[in-house]
């Protein structure tokens, strides 16, 4: 956080571009998304912090989309992780992805992977990613400064509401291919 504040003070007009670039590099440094969004709110205020975070998160997701096809081992690991967390035949829709992005301990790119599997083309993925990133950028930028003051009870209530939203916004129909349903057990 101190590095980001120093960056803004010295960068001047280039600070927003440096912050967006930091969002893209963040995934390789294993820095949590909420932490960077909160820092954006502190440095740029709620409106611009959310806007710059949205741009950075969206560009990060686009980079993920193009890289994941070149990394088959990572693609396979994410597929296994998705099956373990969400089930083999469960698809995550955009509304669920937007809510799941608010859960700080869920991997950001696991949700991006779920969106990618749901979308047939890059334009669909791009639109879904922007929609799913809006609540994340706004919530952690605007309310990030208050999260540290939350009581454990309040955190449990918030996680309960997020869980309820995930349940209510779930995809209600599961389609299983005939061959998958009757596949032989290994």
Protein backbone atom coordinates (compact mmCIF):
# COMPACT_ATOMS: atom_id res chain seq x y z
CA UNK A 1 0.00 0.00 0.00
CA UNK A 2 2.86 2.38 0.83
CA UNK A 3 4.39 1.61 -2.57
CA UNK A 4 1.13 2.57 -4.29
CA UNK A 5 0.84 5.84 -2.34
CA UNK A 6 4.43 6.74 -3.22
CA UNK A 7 3.72 5.84 -6.84
CA UNK A 8 0.72 8.20 -6.95
CA UNK A 9 2.62 11.07 -5.34
CA UNK A 10 5.52 10.83 -7.78
CA UNK A 11 3.62 9.82 -10.92
CA UNK A 12 1.17 12.76 -11.05
CA UNK A 13 -0.92 12.46 -14.20
CA UNK A 14 0.56 9.04 -14.97
CA UNK A 15 -0.68 7.65 -11.63
CA UNK A 16 -3.95 6.24 -13.04
CA UNK A 17 -2.06 4.41 -15.79
CA UNK A 18 0.46 3.11 -13.27
CA UNK A 19 -2.39 1.94 -11.01
CA UNK A 20 -4.12 0.15 -13.91
CA UNK A 21 -0.79 -1.44 -14.86
CA UNK A 22 -0.38 -2.52 -11.22
CA UNK A 23 -3.76 -4.28 -11.45
CA UNK A 24 -2.45 -6.24 -14.44
CA UNK A 25 0.86 -7.11 -12.74
CA UNK A 26 -0.92 -7.90 -9.43
CA UNK A 27 -1.91 -11.36 -10.60
CA UNK A 28 1.73 -12.36 -11.05
CA UNK A 29 2.67 -11.01 -7.61
CA UNK A 30 -0.19 -12.88 -5.87
CA UNK A 31 -1.62 -9.71 -4.36
CA UNK A 32 -5.33 -10.02 -3.48
CA UNK A 33 -7.73 -8.04 -5.67
CA UNK A 34 -9.64 -6.47 -2.75
CA UNK A 35 -6.43 -5.01 -1.34
CA UNK A 36 -5.62 -3.24 -4.60
CA UNK A 37 -9.21 -1.98 -4.98
CA UNK A 38 -9.16 -0.59 -1.42
CA UNK A 39 -5.86 1.13 -2.21
CA UNK A 40 -7.46 2.65 -5.31
CA UNK A 41 -10.22 4.12 -3.18
CA UNK A 42 -7.69 5.62 -0.78
CA UNK A 43 -5.54 7.08 -3.56
CA UNK A 44 -8.12 8.27 -6.10
CA UNK A 45 -11.39 8.47 -4.17
CA UNK A 46 -14.47 6.35 -4.63
CA UNK A 47 -15.47 7.27 -8.17
CA UNK A 48 -12.08 7.34 -9.87
CA UNK A 49 -10.73 4.49 -7.74
CA UNK A 50 -13.64 2.28 -8.80
CA UNK A 51 -13.26 3.33 -12.44
CA UNK A 52 -9.50 2.66 -12.52
CA UNK A 53 -9.98 -0.64 -10.69
CA UNK A 54 -12.68 -1.68 -13.16
CA UNK A 55 -10.39 -0.90 -16.09
CA UNK A 56 -7.44 -2.73 -14.48
CA UNK A 57 -9.52 -5.78 -13.52
CA UNK A 58 -11.04 -5.97 -16.98
CA UNK A 59 -7.64 -5.78 -18.69
CA UNK A 60 -6.35 -8.41 -16.26
CA UNK A 61 -9.25 -10.69 -17.20
CA UNK A 62 -8.59 -10.13 -20.91
CA UNK A 63 -4.95 -11.10 -20.41
CA UNK A 64 -6.11 -14.22 -18.57
CA UNK A 65 -8.43 -15.12 -21.47
CA UNK A 66 -5.60 -15.02 -23.99
CA UNK A 67 -2.99 -16.68 -21.76
CA UNK A 68 -5.11 -19.58 -20.50
CA UNK A 69 -5.40 -21.02 -24.00
CA UNK A 70 -1.60 -21.10 -24.24
CA UNK A 71 -1.18 -22.83 -20.86
CA UNK A 72 -2.89 -26.25 -21.08
CA UNK A 73 -1.61 -27.41 -17.67
CA UNK A 74 -3.07 -24.36 -15.96
CA UNK A 75 -6.31 -24.81 -17.91
CA UNK A 76 -6.55 -28.39 -16.66
CA UNK A 77 -5.82 -27.40 -13.05
CA UNK A 78 -8.48 -24.68 -13.13
CA UNK A 79 -10.95 -27.14 -14.64
CA UNK A 80 -10.32 -29.61 -11.81
CA UNK A 81 -10.58 -26.84 -9.22
CA UNK A 82 -13.87 -25.66 -10.73
CA UNK A 83 -15.27 -29.21 -10.60
CA UNK A 84 -14.17 -29.60 -7.00
CA UNK A 85 -15.63 -26.28 -5.81
CA UNK A 86 -18.77 -25.99 -7.93
CA UNK A 87 -19.48 -29.51 -9.20
CA UNK A 88 -18.87 -31.18 -12.53
CA UNK A 89 -22.07 -30.10 -14.27
CA UNK A 90 -22.67 -26.76 -12.59
CA UNK A 91 -22.17 -23.60 -14.62
CA UNK A 92 -21.72 -20.19 -13.04
CA UNK A 93 -23.76 -17.43 -14.66
CA UNK A 94 -22.71 -13.78 -14.81
CA UNK A 95 -24.86 -12.75 -11.83
CA UNK A 96 -23.34 -15.47 -9.68
CA UNK A 97 -19.85 -14.55 -10.88
CA UNK A 98 -20.46 -10.92 -9.87
CA UNK A 99 -21.50 -12.02 -6.37
CA UNK A 100 -18.71 -14.61 -6.05
CA UNK A 101 -16.14 -11.97 -6.94
CA UNK A 102 -17.11 -10.21 -3.71
CA UNK A 103 -15.90 -13.19 -1.66
CA UNK A 104 -12.30 -12.29 -0.86
CA UNK A 105 -10.94 -15.84 -0.48
CA UNK A 106 -12.20 -17.13 -3.85
CA UNK A 107 -9.56 -17.03 -6.55
CA UNK A 108 -10.26 -14.21 -9.01
CA UNK A 109 -9.22 -16.18 -12.08
CA UNK A 110 -11.22 -19.25 -11.07
CA UNK A 111 -14.30 -17.07 -11.49
CA UNK A 112 -12.86 -15.75 -14.78
CA UNK A 113 -12.42 -19.37 -15.87
CA UNK A 114 -16.07 -20.08 -15.04
CA UNK A 115 -17.15 -17.05 -17.08
CA UNK A 116 -14.90 -18.17 -19.94
CA UNK A 117 -16.49 -21.63 -20.01
CA UNK A 118 -19.96 -20.09 -20.09
CA UNK A 119 -19.22 -17.69 -22.96
CA UNK A 120 -18.83 -18.87 -26.53
CA UNK A 121 -16.71 -15.98 -27.86
CA UNK A 122 -14.38 -13.24 -26.68
CA UNK A 123 -16.97 -10.43 -27.10
CA UNK A 124 -19.38 -12.38 -24.87
CA UNK A 125 -16.58 -12.98 -22.35
CA UNK A 126 -15.61 -9.30 -22.44
CA UNK A 127 -19.18 -8.15 -21.75
CA UNK A 128 -19.67 -10.71 -18.97
CA UNK A 129 -16.33 -9.80 -17.39
CA UNK A 130 -17.12 -6.09 -17.27
CA UNK A 131 -20.54 -6.81 -15.71
CA UNK A 132 -19.03 -9.22 -13.15
CA UNK A 133 -16.23 -6.78 -12.24
CA UNK A 134 -18.45 -3.76 -11.53
CA UNK A 135 -19.70 -4.88 -8.07
CA UNK A 136 -16.18 -5.93 -7.05
CA UNK A 137 -14.59 -2.62 -8.03
CA UNK A 138 -17.35 -0.51 -6.50
CA UNK A 139 -17.77 -2.49 -3.27
CA UNK A 140 -14.12 -2.74 -2.30
CA UNK A 141 -13.29 0.79 -3.41
CA UNK A 142 -16.20 2.53 -1.69
CA UNK A 143 -16.65 0.35 1.38
CA UNK A 144 -13.10 -0.93 1.69
CA UNK A 145 -12.18 1.63 4.29
CA UNK A 146 -15.00 0.37 6.54
CA UNK A 147 -14.25 -3.36 6.22
CA UNK A 148 -11.46 -3.17 8.79
CA UNK A 149 -14.00 -1.89 11.33
CA UNK A 150 -16.49 -4.72 10.80
CA UNK A 151 -17.22 -6.98 13.75
CA UNK A 152 -17.02 -10.77 13.30
CA UNK A 153 -20.83 -10.90 13.48
CA UNK A 154 -21.15 -8.36 10.68
CA UNK A 155 -18.69 -10.34 8.54
CA UNK A 156 -20.71 -13.53 9.08
CA UNK A 157 -23.92 -11.70 8.11
CA UNK A 158 -22.29 -10.32 4.94
CA UNK A 159 -20.97 -13.77 3.97
CA UNK A 160 -24.43 -15.23 4.68
CA UNK A 161 -26.06 -12.67 2.39
CA UNK A 162 -23.50 -13.39 -0.34
CA UNK A 163 -24.18 -17.15 0.03
CA UNK A 164 -27.93 -16.52 -0.20
CA UNK A 165 -27.45 -14.38 -3.31
CA UNK A 166 -25.35 -17.12 -4.94
CA UNK A 167 -28.11 -19.62 -4.23
CA UNK A 168 -30.89 -17.36 -5.52
CA UNK A 169 -28.98 -16.36 -8.66
CA UNK A 170 -27.87 -19.90 -9.56
CA UNK A 171 -28.55 -21.52 -12.88
CA UNK A 172 -31.68 -23.56 -12.32
CA UNK A 173 -31.30 -26.06 -15.15
CA UNK A 174 -28.40 -28.45 -15.57
CA UNK A 175 -27.86 -30.10 -18.94
CA UNK A 176 -25.88 -33.33 -18.90
CA UNK A 177 -24.96 -34.91 -22.21
CA UNK A 178 -26.29 -38.42 -22.77
CA UNK A 179 -22.79 -39.89 -23.06
CA UNK A 180 -21.66 -38.14 -19.88
CA UNK A 181 -24.65 -39.39 -17.91
CA UNK A 182 -24.11 -43.01 -18.94
CA UNK A 183 -20.29 -43.01 -18.95
CA UNK A 184 -18.61 -46.02 -17.39
CA UNK A 185 -17.12 -45.64 -13.96
CA UNK A 186 -13.34 -45.83 -14.03
